[in-house]
Amino acid sequence: MKKFEDIKMVVVKWYDARFFPGTYTKEACKDHNMCLFESLGYIIAKDKTTVRIAAERNNEGEYRDITLIPTGSILFIRKLFPRNNRNNKPRNNKEIKVKK
């Protein structure tokens, strides 16, 4: 099991599917778009189909409020770092490459 400190906080920017009930012309369908989401959480696992993040974690290795994101829908995953205590400036956030 990973140490409590080893689990990284991330922001995931991704597209999610949408449903539009009703009847539309082909032209009107062009105005319907997917939603772009930003999800924050602790990255639990990632593979070729799914990235799993949790909104919360505890010191016993348990997670709460899990989000499963299709890997093919992800624009990027960026690690979040706490501010540097010495000068209170944010650290550089790094993007994680996602294999599709």
PDB file of N, CA and C in Angstrom:
ATOM      1  N   MET A   1       0.843  -1.185   0.000  1.00  0.00           N
ATOM      2  CA  MET A   1       0.000   0.000   0.000  1.00  0.00           C
ATOM      3  C   MET A   1       0.888   1.249   0.000  1.00  0.00           C
ATOM      4  N   LYS A   2       0.480   2.256  -0.755  1.00  0.00           N
ATOM      5  CA  LYS A   2       1.231   3.504  -0.802  1.00  0.00           C
ATOM      6  C   LYS A   2       1.109   4.236   0.524  1.00  0.00           C
ATOM      7  N   LYS A   3       2.152   4.991   0.841  1.00  0.00           N
ATOM      8  CA  LYS A   3       2.109   5.823   2.038  1.00  0.00           C
ATOM      9  C   LYS A   3       1.106   6.944   1.839  1.00  0.00           C
ATOM     10  N   PHE A   4       0.583   7.434   2.928  1.00  0.00           N
ATOM     11  CA  PHE A   4      -0.397   8.528   2.902  1.00  0.00           C
ATOM     12  C   PHE A   4       0.127   9.705   2.086  1.00  0.00           C
ATOM     13  N   GLU A   5       1.402  10.057   2.251  1.00  0.00           N
ATOM     14  CA  GLU A   5       1.988  11.207   1.572  1.00  0.00           C
ATOM     15  C   GLU A   5       2.250  10.947   0.096  1.00  0.00           C
ATOM     16  N   ASP A   6       2.306   9.679  -0.330  1.00  0.00           N
ATOM     17  CA  ASP A   6       2.637   9.341  -1.714  1.00  0.00           C
ATOM     18  C   ASP A   6       1.471   9.515  -2.685  1.00  0.00           C
ATOM     19  N   ILE A   7       0.257   9.614  -2.189  1.00  0.00           N
ATOM     20  CA  ILE A   7      -0.906   9.775  -3.059  1.00  0.00           C
ATOM     21  C   ILE A   7      -0.997  11.239  -3.477  1.00  0.00           C
ATOM     22  N   LYS A   8      -1.019  11.494  -4.770  1.00  0.00           N
ATOM     23  CA  LYS A   8      -0.957  12.855  -5.289  1.00  0.00           C
ATOM     24  C   LYS A   8      -2.338  13.459  -5.502  1.00  0.00           C
ATOM     25  N   MET A   9      -2.452  14.742  -5.160  1.00  0.00           N
ATOM     26  CA  MET A   9      -3.658  15.515  -5.450  1.00  0.00           C
ATOM     27  C   MET A   9      -3.517  16.028  -6.887  1.00  0.00           C
ATOM     28  N   VAL A  10      -4.589  15.888  -7.675  1.00  0.00           N
ATOM     29  CA  VAL A  10      -4.542  16.283  -9.080  1.00  0.00           C
ATOM     30  C   VAL A  10      -5.799  17.041  -9.483  1.00  0.00           C
ATOM     31  N   VAL A  11      -5.702  17.728 -10.610  1.00  0.00           N
ATOM     32  CA  VAL A  11      -6.872  18.257 -11.303  1.00  0.00           C
ATOM     33  C   VAL A  11      -6.895  17.553 -12.658  1.00  0.00           C
ATOM     34  N   VAL A  12      -8.063  17.033 -13.010  1.00  0.00           N
ATOM     35  CA  VAL A  12      -8.244  16.349 -14.282  1.00  0.00           C
ATOM     36  C   VAL A  12      -9.212  17.173 -15.117  1.00  0.00           C
ATOM     37  N   LYS A  13      -8.792  17.571 -16.313  1.00  0.00           N
ATOM     38  CA  LYS A  13      -9.670  18.307 -17.224  1.00  0.00           C
ATOM     39  C   LYS A  13     -10.116  17.307 -18.289  1.00  0.00           C
ATOM     40  N   TRP A  14     -11.443  17.146 -18.431  1.00  0.00           N
ATOM     41  CA  TRP A  14     -11.955  16.080 -19.300  1.00  0.00           C
ATOM     42  C   TRP A  14     -13.338  16.417 -19.835  1.00  0.00           C
ATOM     43  N   TYR A  15     -13.673  15.760 -20.947  1.00  0.00           N
ATOM     44  CA  TYR A  15     -14.992  15.904 -21.564  1.00  0.00           C
ATOM     45  C   TYR A  15     -15.901  14.782 -21.103  1.00  0.00           C
ATOM     46  N   ASP A  16     -17.157  15.133 -20.815  1.00  0.00           N
ATOM     47  CA  ASP A  16     -18.143  14.135 -20.426  1.00  0.00           C
ATOM     48  C   ASP A  16     -19.276  14.135 -21.437  1.00  0.00           C
ATOM     49  N   ALA A  17     -19.896  12.995 -21.596  1.00  0.00           N
ATOM     50  CA  ALA A  17     -21.023  12.860 -22.517  1.00  0.00           C
ATOM     51  C   ALA A  17     -22.231  13.632 -21.985  1.00  0.00           C
ATOM     52  N   ARG A  18     -23.106  14.023 -22.894  1.00  0.00           N
ATOM     53  CA  ARG A  18     -24.343  14.715 -22.520  1.00  0.00           C
ATOM     54  C   ARG A  18     -25.502  14.095 -23.290  1.00  0.00           C
ATOM     55  N   PHE A  19     -26.674  14.273 -22.758  1.00  0.00           N
ATOM     56  CA  PHE A  19     -27.899  13.795 -23.394  1.00  0.00           C
ATOM     57  C   PHE A  19     -28.827  14.988 -23.595  1.00  0.00           C
ATOM     58  N   PHE A  20     -29.330  15.146 -24.811  1.00  0.00           N
ATOM     59  CA  PHE A  20     -30.257  16.221 -25.129  1.00  0.00           C
ATOM     60  C   PHE A  20     -31.570  15.593 -25.597  1.00  0.00           C
ATOM     61  N   PRO A  21     -32.585  15.527 -24.732  1.00  0.00           N
ATOM     62  CA  PRO A  21     -33.855  14.929 -25.142  1.00  0.00           C
ATOM     63  C   PRO A  21     -34.552  15.822 -26.172  1.00  0.00           C
ATOM     64  N   GLY A  22     -35.347  15.214 -27.015  1.00  0.00           N
ATOM     65  CA  GLY A  22     -36.098  15.993 -27.995  1.00  0.00           C
ATOM     66  C   GLY A  22     -35.706  15.627 -29.417  1.00  0.00           C
ATOM     67  N   THR A  23     -36.264  16.362 -30.359  1.00  0.00           N
ATOM     68  CA  THR A  23     -36.031  16.149 -31.778  1.00  0.00           C
ATOM     69  C   THR A  23     -35.348  17.380 -32.361  1.00  0.00           C
ATOM     70  N   TYR A  24     -34.302  17.157 -33.161  1.00  0.00           N
ATOM     71  CA  TYR A  24     -33.512  18.250 -33.695  1.00  0.00           C
ATOM     72  C   TYR A  24     -33.183  18.002 -35.169  1.00  0.00           C
ATOM     73  N   THR A  25     -33.001  19.075 -35.901  1.00  0.00           N
ATOM     74  CA  THR A  25     -32.514  18.954 -37.274  1.00  0.00           C
ATOM     75  C   THR A  25     -31.018  18.671 -37.213  1.00  0.00           C
ATOM     76  N   LYS A  26     -30.456  18.217 -38.305  1.00  0.00           N
ATOM     77  CA  LYS A  26     -29.027  17.954 -38.372  1.00  0.00           C
ATOM     78  C   LYS A  26     -28.238  19.229 -38.078  1.00  0.00           C
ATOM     79  N   GLU A  27     -28.722  20.355 -38.591  1.00  0.00           N
ATOM     80  CA  GLU A  27     -28.059  21.641 -38.361  1.00  0.00           C
ATOM     81  C   GLU A  27     -28.111  22.045 -36.879  1.00  0.00           C
ATOM     82  N   ALA A  28     -29.255  21.854 -36.241  1.00  0.00           N
ATOM     83  CA  ALA A  28     -29.405  22.222 -34.826  1.00  0.00           C
ATOM     84  C   ALA A  28     -28.525  21.350 -33.928  1.00  0.00           C
ATOM     85  N   CYS A  29     -28.238  20.128 -34.357  1.00  0.00           N
ATOM     86  CA  CYS A  29     -27.388  19.229 -33.555  1.00  0.00           C
ATOM     87  C   CYS A  29     -25.965  19.759 -33.421  1.00  0.00           C
ATOM     88  N   LYS A  30     -25.536  20.579 -34.365  1.00  0.00           N
ATOM     89  CA  LYS A  30     -24.179  21.131 -34.311  1.00  0.00           C
ATOM     90  C   LYS A  30     -23.996  22.072 -33.130  1.00  0.00           C
ATOM     91  N   ASP A  31     -25.080  22.608 -32.596  1.00  0.00           N
ATOM     92  CA  ASP A  31     -25.013  23.516 -31.452  1.00  0.00           C
ATOM     93  C   ASP A  31     -24.911  22.778 -30.112  1.00  0.00           C
ATOM     94  N   HIS A  32     -25.074  21.464 -30.125  1.00  0.00           N
ATOM     95  CA  HIS A  32     -24.969  20.669 -28.901  1.00  0.00           C
ATOM     96  C   HIS A  32     -23.527  20.203 -28.734  1.00  0.00           C
ATOM     97  N   ASN A  33     -22.984  20.446 -27.551  1.00  0.00           N
ATOM     98  CA  ASN A  33     -21.582  20.102 -27.292  1.00  0.00           C
ATOM     99  C   ASN A  33     -21.451  19.290 -26.013  1.00  0.00           C
ATOM    100  N   MET A  34     -20.290  18.649 -25.896  1.00  0.00           N
ATOM    101  CA  MET A  34     -19.978  17.925 -24.673  1.00  0.00           C
ATOM    102  C   MET A  34     -19.610  18.927 -23.590  1.00  0.00           C
ATOM    103  N   CYS A  35     -19.739  18.528 -22.336  1.00  0.00           N
ATOM    104  CA  CYS A  35     -19.347  19.376 -21.205  1.00  0.00           C
ATOM    105  C   CYS A  35     -17.862  19.176 -20.912  1.00  0.00           C
ATOM    106  N   LEU A  36     -17.186  20.258 -20.596  1.00  0.00           N
ATOM    107  CA  LEU A  36     -15.799  20.202 -20.184  1.00  0.00           C
ATOM    108  C   LEU A  36     -15.766  20.344 -18.664  1.00  0.00           C
ATOM    109  N   PHE A  37     -15.205  19.342 -18.004  1.00  0.00           N
ATOM    110  CA  PHE A  37     -15.161  19.302 -16.543  1.00  0.00           C
ATOM    111  C   PHE A  37     -13.734  19.424 -16.028  1.00  0.00           C
ATOM    112  N   GLU A  38     -13.614  19.936 -14.816  1.00  0.00           N
ATOM    113  CA  GLU A  38     -12.381  19.883 -14.051  1.00  0.00           C
ATOM    114  C   GLU A  38     -12.719  19.182 -12.739  1.00  0.00           C
ATOM    115  N   SER A  39     -12.089  18.045 -12.526  1.00  0.00           N
ATOM    116  CA  SER A  39     -12.313  17.274 -11.304  1.00  0.00           C
ATOM    117  C   SER A  39     -11.043  17.299 -10.473  1.00  0.00           C
ATOM    118  N   LEU A  40     -11.204  17.564  -9.173  1.00  0.00           N
ATOM    119  CA  LEU A  40     -10.085  17.584  -8.240  1.00  0.00           C
ATOM    120  C   LEU A  40     -10.157  16.363  -7.348  1.00  0.00           C
ATOM    121  N   GLY A  41      -9.014  15.764  -7.076  1.00  0.00           N
ATOM    122  CA  GLY A  41      -9.019  14.631  -6.173  1.00  0.00           C
ATOM    123  C   GLY A  41      -7.661  13.980  -6.056  1.00  0.00           C
ATOM    124  N   TYR A  42      -7.648  12.895  -5.295  1.00  0.00           N
ATOM    125  CA  TYR A  42      -6.438  12.099  -5.108  1.00  0.00           C
ATOM    126  C   TYR A  42      -6.434  10.992  -6.143  1.00  0.00           C
ATOM    127  N   ILE A  43      -5.374  10.910  -6.928  1.00  0.00           N
ATOM    128  CA  ILE A  43      -5.324   9.898  -7.976  1.00  0.00           C
ATOM    129  C   ILE A  43      -5.077   8.539  -7.321  1.00  0.00           C
ATOM    130  N   ILE A  44      -5.982   7.612  -7.590  1.00  0.00           N
ATOM    131  CA  ILE A  44      -5.906   6.276  -6.998  1.00  0.00           C
ATOM    132  C   ILE A  44      -5.272   5.303  -7.971  1.00  0.00           C
ATOM    133  N   ALA A  45      -5.730   5.359  -9.233  1.00  0.00           N
ATOM    134  CA  ALA A  45      -5.231   4.422 -10.244  1.00  0.00           C
ATOM    135  C   ALA A  45      -5.533   4.977 -11.627  1.00  0.00           C
ATOM    136  N   LYS A  46      -4.734   4.530 -12.597  1.00  0.00           N
ATOM    137  CA  LYS A  46      -5.014   4.864 -13.988  1.00  0.00           C
ATOM    138  C   LYS A  46      -4.531   3.716 -14.855  1.00  0.00           C
ATOM    139  N   ASP A  47      -5.292   3.442 -15.893  1.00  0.00           N
ATOM    140  CA  ASP A  47      -4.910   2.432 -16.867  1.00  0.00           C
ATOM    141  C   ASP A  47      -5.374   2.909 -18.239  1.00  0.00           C
ATOM    142  N   LYS A  48      -5.370   2.025 -19.231  1.00  0.00           N
ATOM    143  CA  LYS A  48      -5.674   2.469 -20.596  1.00  0.00           C
ATOM    144  C   LYS A  48      -7.136   2.860 -20.793  1.00  0.00           C
ATOM    145  N   THR A  49      -8.037   2.497 -19.882  1.00  0.00           N
ATOM    146  CA  THR A  49      -9.449   2.845 -20.052  1.00  0.00           C
ATOM    147  C   THR A  49      -9.990   3.825 -19.016  1.00  0.00           C
ATOM    148  N   THR A  50      -9.406   3.842 -17.810  1.00  0.00           N
ATOM    149  CA  THR A  50     -10.016   4.597 -16.714  1.00  0.00           C
ATOM    150  C   THR A  50      -8.976   5.259 -15.815  1.00  0.00           C
ATOM    151  N   VAL A  51      -9.284   6.473 -15.385  1.00  0.00           N
ATOM    152  CA  VAL A  51      -8.537   7.133 -14.318  1.00  0.00           C
ATOM    153  C   VAL A  51      -9.490   7.242 -13.139  1.00  0.00           C
ATOM    154  N   ARG A  52      -9.025   6.841 -11.960  1.00  0.00           N
ATOM    155  CA  ARG A  52      -9.850   6.875 -10.752  1.00  0.00           C
ATOM    156  C   ARG A  52      -9.282   7.906  -9.787  1.00  0.00           C
ATOM    157  N   ILE A  53     -10.164   8.836  -9.366  1.00  0.00           N
ATOM    158  CA  ILE A  53      -9.760   9.811  -8.353  1.00  0.00           C
ATOM    159  C   ILE A  53     -10.778   9.788  -7.214  1.00  0.00           C
ATOM    160  N   ALA A  54     -10.290  10.139  -6.033  1.00  0.00           N
ATOM    161  CA  ALA A  54     -11.144  10.196  -4.847  1.00  0.00           C
ATOM    162  C   ALA A  54     -11.168  11.624  -4.326  1.00  0.00           C
ATOM    163  N   ALA A  55     -12.317  12.065  -3.872  1.00  0.00           N
ATOM    164  CA  ALA A  55     -12.449  13.411  -3.322  1.00  0.00           C
ATOM    165  C   ALA A  55     -11.799  13.510  -1.944  1.00  0.00           C
ATOM    166  N   GLU A  56     -11.786  12.411  -1.214  1.00  0.00           N
ATOM    167  CA  GLU A  56     -11.245  12.423   0.142  1.00  0.00           C
ATOM    168  C   GLU A  56     -10.479  11.138   0.414  1.00  0.00           C
ATOM    169  N   ARG A  57      -9.556  11.223   1.379  1.00  0.00           N
ATOM    170  CA  ARG A  57      -8.823  10.051   1.849  1.00  0.00           C
ATOM    171  C   ARG A  57      -8.617  10.186   3.344  1.00  0.00           C
ATOM    172  N   ASN A  58      -8.392   9.073   3.993  1.00  0.00           N
ATOM    173  CA  ASN A  58      -8.112   9.145   5.428  1.00  0.00           C
ATOM    174  C   ASN A  58      -6.775   8.484   5.737  1.00  0.00           C
ATOM    175  N   ASN A  59      -6.361   8.536   6.984  1.00  0.00           N
ATOM    176  CA  ASN A  59      -5.061   7.998   7.377  1.00  0.00           C
ATOM    177  C   ASN A  59      -5.049   6.479   7.487  1.00  0.00           C
ATOM    178  N   GLU A  60      -6.167   5.831   7.221  1.00  0.00           N
ATOM    179  CA  GLU A  60      -6.239   4.370   7.268  1.00  0.00           C
ATOM    180  C   GLU A  60      -6.213   3.755   5.874  1.00  0.00           C
ATOM    181  N   GLY A  61      -5.960   4.585   4.849  1.00  0.00           N
ATOM    182  CA  GLY A  61      -5.865   4.069   3.486  1.00  0.00           C
ATOM    183  C   GLY A  61      -7.206   3.903   2.793  1.00  0.00           C
ATOM    184  N   GLU A  62      -8.249   4.546   3.300  1.00  0.00           N
ATOM    185  CA  GLU A  62      -9.574   4.461   2.694  1.00  0.00           C
ATOM    186  C   GLU A  62      -9.881   5.745   1.931  1.00  0.00           C
ATOM    187  N   TYR A  63     -10.724   5.603   0.914  1.00  0.00           N
ATOM    188  CA  TYR A  63     -11.098   6.728   0.057  1.00  0.00           C
ATOM    189  C   TYR A  63     -12.602   6.904   0.056  1.00  0.00           C
ATOM    190  N   ARG A  64     -13.035   8.137  -0.257  1.00  0.00           N
ATOM    191  CA  ARG A  64     -14.467   8.435  -0.298  1.00  0.00           C
ATOM    192  C   ARG A  64     -14.764   9.244  -1.558  1.00  0.00           C
ATOM    193  N   ASP A  65     -15.951   9.026  -2.093  1.00  0.00           N
ATOM    194  CA  ASP A  65     -16.452   9.764  -3.263  1.00  0.00           C
ATOM    195  C   ASP A  65     -15.513   9.605  -4.459  1.00  0.00           C
ATOM    196  N   ILE A  66     -15.596   8.454  -5.083  1.00  0.00           N
ATOM    197  CA  ILE A  66     -14.725   8.069  -6.190  1.00  0.00           C
ATOM    198  C   ILE A  66     -15.334   8.507  -7.521  1.00  0.00           C
ATOM    199  N   THR A  67     -14.501   9.076  -8.398  1.00  0.00           N
ATOM    200  CA  THR A  67     -14.910   9.433  -9.759  1.00  0.00           C
ATOM    201  C   THR A  67     -14.095   8.601 -10.733  1.00  0.00           C
ATOM    202  N   LEU A  68     -14.786   7.928 -11.675  1.00  0.00           N
ATOM    203  CA  LEU A  68     -14.138   7.184 -12.741  1.00  0.00           C
ATOM    204  C   LEU A  68     -14.251   8.005 -14.015  1.00  0.00           C
ATOM    205  N   ILE A  69     -13.123   8.302 -14.628  1.00  0.00           N
ATOM    206  CA  ILE A  69     -13.076   9.143 -15.819  1.00  0.00           C
ATOM    207  C   ILE A  69     -12.515   8.322 -16.975  1.00  0.00           C
ATOM    208  N   PRO A  70     -13.215   8.279 -18.114  1.00  0.00           N
ATOM    209  CA  PRO A  70     -12.683   7.544 -19.267  1.00  0.00           C
ATOM    210  C   PRO A  70     -11.374   8.188 -19.750  1.00  0.00           C
ATOM    211  N   THR A  71     -10.331   7.390 -19.865  1.00  0.00           N
ATOM    212  CA  THR A  71      -9.018   7.887 -20.252  1.00  0.00           C
ATOM    213  C   THR A  71      -9.058   8.639 -21.579  1.00  0.00           C
ATOM    214  N   GLY A  72      -9.835   8.163 -22.530  1.00  0.00           N
ATOM    215  CA  GLY A  72      -9.916   8.800 -23.841  1.00  0.00           C
ATOM    216  C   GLY A  72     -10.565  10.173 -23.819  1.00  0.00           C
ATOM    217  N   SER A  73     -11.237  10.535 -22.729  1.00  0.00           N
ATOM    218  CA  SER A  73     -11.914  11.828 -22.610  1.00  0.00           C
ATOM    219  C   SER A  73     -11.053  12.888 -21.930  1.00  0.00           C
ATOM    220  N   ILE A  74      -9.872  12.502 -21.468  1.00  0.00           N
ATOM    221  CA  ILE A  74      -9.036  13.401 -20.668  1.00  0.00           C
ATOM    222  C   ILE A  74      -8.182  14.296 -21.556  1.00  0.00           C
ATOM    223  N   LEU A  75      -8.234  15.611 -21.286  1.00  0.00           N
ATOM    224  CA  LEU A  75      -7.345  16.557 -21.950  1.00  0.00           C
ATOM    225  C   LEU A  75      -5.992  16.584 -21.244  1.00  0.00           C
ATOM    226  N   PHE A  76      -6.013  16.659 -19.903  1.00  0.00           N
ATOM    227  CA  PHE A  76      -4.767  16.594 -19.146  1.00  0.00           C
ATOM    228  C   PHE A  76      -5.049  16.276 -17.684  1.00  0.00           C
ATOM    229  N   ILE A  77      -3.992  15.799 -17.019  1.00  0.00           N
ATOM    230  CA  ILE A  77      -3.984  15.614 -15.571  1.00  0.00           C
ATOM    231  C   ILE A  77      -2.817  16.448 -15.060  1.00  0.00           C
ATOM    232  N   ARG A  78      -3.090  17.299 -14.096  1.00  0.00           N
ATOM    233  CA  ARG A  78      -2.041  18.160 -13.547  1.00  0.00           C
ATOM    234  C   ARG A  78      -1.922  17.905 -12.046  1.00  0.00           C
ATOM    235  N   LYS A  79      -0.697  17.621 -11.605  1.00  0.00           N
ATOM    236  CA  LYS A  79      -0.454  17.450 -10.170  1.00  0.00           C
ATOM    237  C   LYS A  79      -0.575  18.799  -9.488  1.00  0.00           C
ATOM    238  N   LEU A  80      -1.128  18.795  -8.304  1.00  0.00           N
ATOM    239  CA  LEU A  80      -1.234  20.006  -7.501  1.00  0.00           C
ATOM    240  C   LEU A  80      -0.252  19.912  -6.341  1.00  0.00           C
ATOM    241  N   PHE A  81       0.447  21.008  -6.100  1.00  0.00           N
ATOM    242  CA  PHE A  81       1.427  21.041  -5.031  1.00  0.00           C
ATOM    243  C   PHE A  81       1.049  22.118  -4.022  1.00  0.00           C
ATOM    244  N   PRO A  82       1.358  21.902  -2.752  1.00  0.00           N
ATOM    245  CA  PRO A  82       1.104  22.959  -1.769  1.00  0.00           C
ATOM    246  C   PRO A  82       2.064  24.121  -1.996  1.00  0.00           C
ATOM    247  N   ARG A  83       1.718  25.250  -1.440  1.00  0.00           N
ATOM    248  CA  ARG A  83       2.600  26.417  -1.550  1.00  0.00           C
ATOM    249  C   ARG A  83       3.895  26.155  -0.789  1.00  0.00           C
ATOM    250  N   ASN A  84       4.957  26.745  -1.294  1.00  0.00           N
ATOM    251  CA  ASN A  84       6.246  26.668  -0.627  1.00  0.00           C
ATOM    252  C   ASN A  84       6.166  27.546   0.620  1.00  0.00           C
ATOM    253  N   ASN A  85       6.388  26.972   1.786  1.00  0.00           N
ATOM    254  CA  ASN A  85       6.222  27.706   3.045  1.00  0.00           C
ATOM    255  C   ASN A  85       7.206  28.853   3.216  1.00  0.00           C
ATOM    256  N   ARG A  86       8.371  28.784   2.593  1.00  0.00           N
ATOM    257  CA  ARG A  86       9.383  29.823   2.795  1.00  0.00           C
ATOM    258  C   ARG A  86       8.997  31.155   2.171  1.00  0.00           C
ATOM    259  N   ASN A  87       8.491  31.126   0.946  1.00  0.00           N
ATOM    260  CA  ASN A  87       8.167  32.393   0.283  1.00  0.00           C
ATOM    261  C   ASN A  87       6.702  32.485  -0.145  1.00  0.00           C
ATOM    262  N   ASN A  88       5.902  31.504   0.241  1.00  0.00           N
ATOM    263  CA  ASN A  88       4.460  31.484  -0.025  1.00  0.00           C
ATOM    264  C   ASN A  88       4.115  31.592  -1.512  1.00  0.00           C
ATOM    265  N   LYS A  89       5.023  31.134  -2.378  1.00  0.00           N
ATOM    266  CA  LYS A  89       4.755  31.108  -3.812  1.00  0.00           C
ATOM    267  C   LYS A  89       4.323  29.703  -4.204  1.00  0.00           C
ATOM    268  N   PRO A  90       3.386  29.588  -5.168  1.00  0.00           N
ATOM    269  CA  PRO A  90       2.986  28.244  -5.598  1.00  0.00           C
ATOM    270  C   PRO A  90       4.125  27.543  -6.314  1.00  0.00           C
ATOM    271  N   ARG A  91       4.207  26.248  -6.116  1.00  0.00           N
ATOM    272  CA  ARG A  91       5.190  25.442  -6.843  1.00  0.00           C
ATOM    273  C   ARG A  91       4.679  25.235  -8.263  1.00  0.00           C
ATOM    274  N   ASN A  92       5.565  24.817  -9.148  1.00  0.00           N
ATOM    275  CA  ASN A  92       5.150  24.530 -10.522  1.00  0.00           C
ATOM    276  C   ASN A  92       4.267  23.289 -10.536  1.00  0.00           C
ATOM    277  N   ASN A  93       3.116  23.396 -11.188  1.00  0.00           N
ATOM    278  CA  ASN A  93       2.244  22.244 -11.352  1.00  0.00           C
ATOM    279  C   ASN A  93       2.652  21.528 -12.628  1.00  0.00           C
ATOM    280  N   LYS A  94       2.754  20.218 -12.564  1.00  0.00           N
ATOM    281  CA  LYS A  94       3.218  19.435 -13.699  1.00  0.00           C
ATOM    282  C   LYS A  94       2.088  18.585 -14.254  1.00  0.00           C
ATOM    283  N   GLU A  95       2.024  18.526 -15.581  1.00  0.00           N
ATOM    284  CA  GLU A  95       1.026  17.667 -16.205  1.00  0.00           C
ATOM    285  C   GLU A  95       1.538  16.236 -16.264  1.00  0.00           C
ATOM    286  N   ILE A  96       0.609  15.303 -16.140  1.00  0.00           N
ATOM    287  CA  ILE A  96       0.901  13.883 -16.228  1.00  0.00           C
ATOM    288  C   ILE A  96       0.432  13.411 -17.591  1.00  0.00           C
ATOM    289  N   LYS A  97       1.251  12.705 -18.311  1.00  0.00           N
ATOM    290  CA  LYS A  97       0.843  12.176 -19.615  1.00  0.00           C
ATOM    291  C   LYS A  97      -0.092  10.990 -19.407  1.00  0.00           C
ATOM    292  N   VAL A  98      -1.160  10.951 -20.207  1.00  0.00           N
ATOM    293  CA  VAL A  98      -2.121   9.865 -20.135  1.00  0.00           C
ATOM    294  C   VAL A  98      -2.054   9.095 -21.436  1.00  0.00           C
ATOM    295  N   LYS A  99      -1.792   7.802 -21.341  1.00  0.00           N
ATOM    296  CA  LYS A  99      -1.745   6.955 -22.539  1.00  0.00           C
ATOM    297  C   LYS A  99      -3.155   6.668 -22.984  1.00  0.00           C
ATOM    298  N   LYS A 100      -3.421   6.887 -24.279  1.00  0.00           N
ATOM    299  CA  LYS A 100      -4.767   6.644 -24.815  1.00  0.00           C
ATOM    300  C   LYS A 100      -4.742   5.481 -25.774  1.00  0.00           C
TER     301      LYS A 100
END
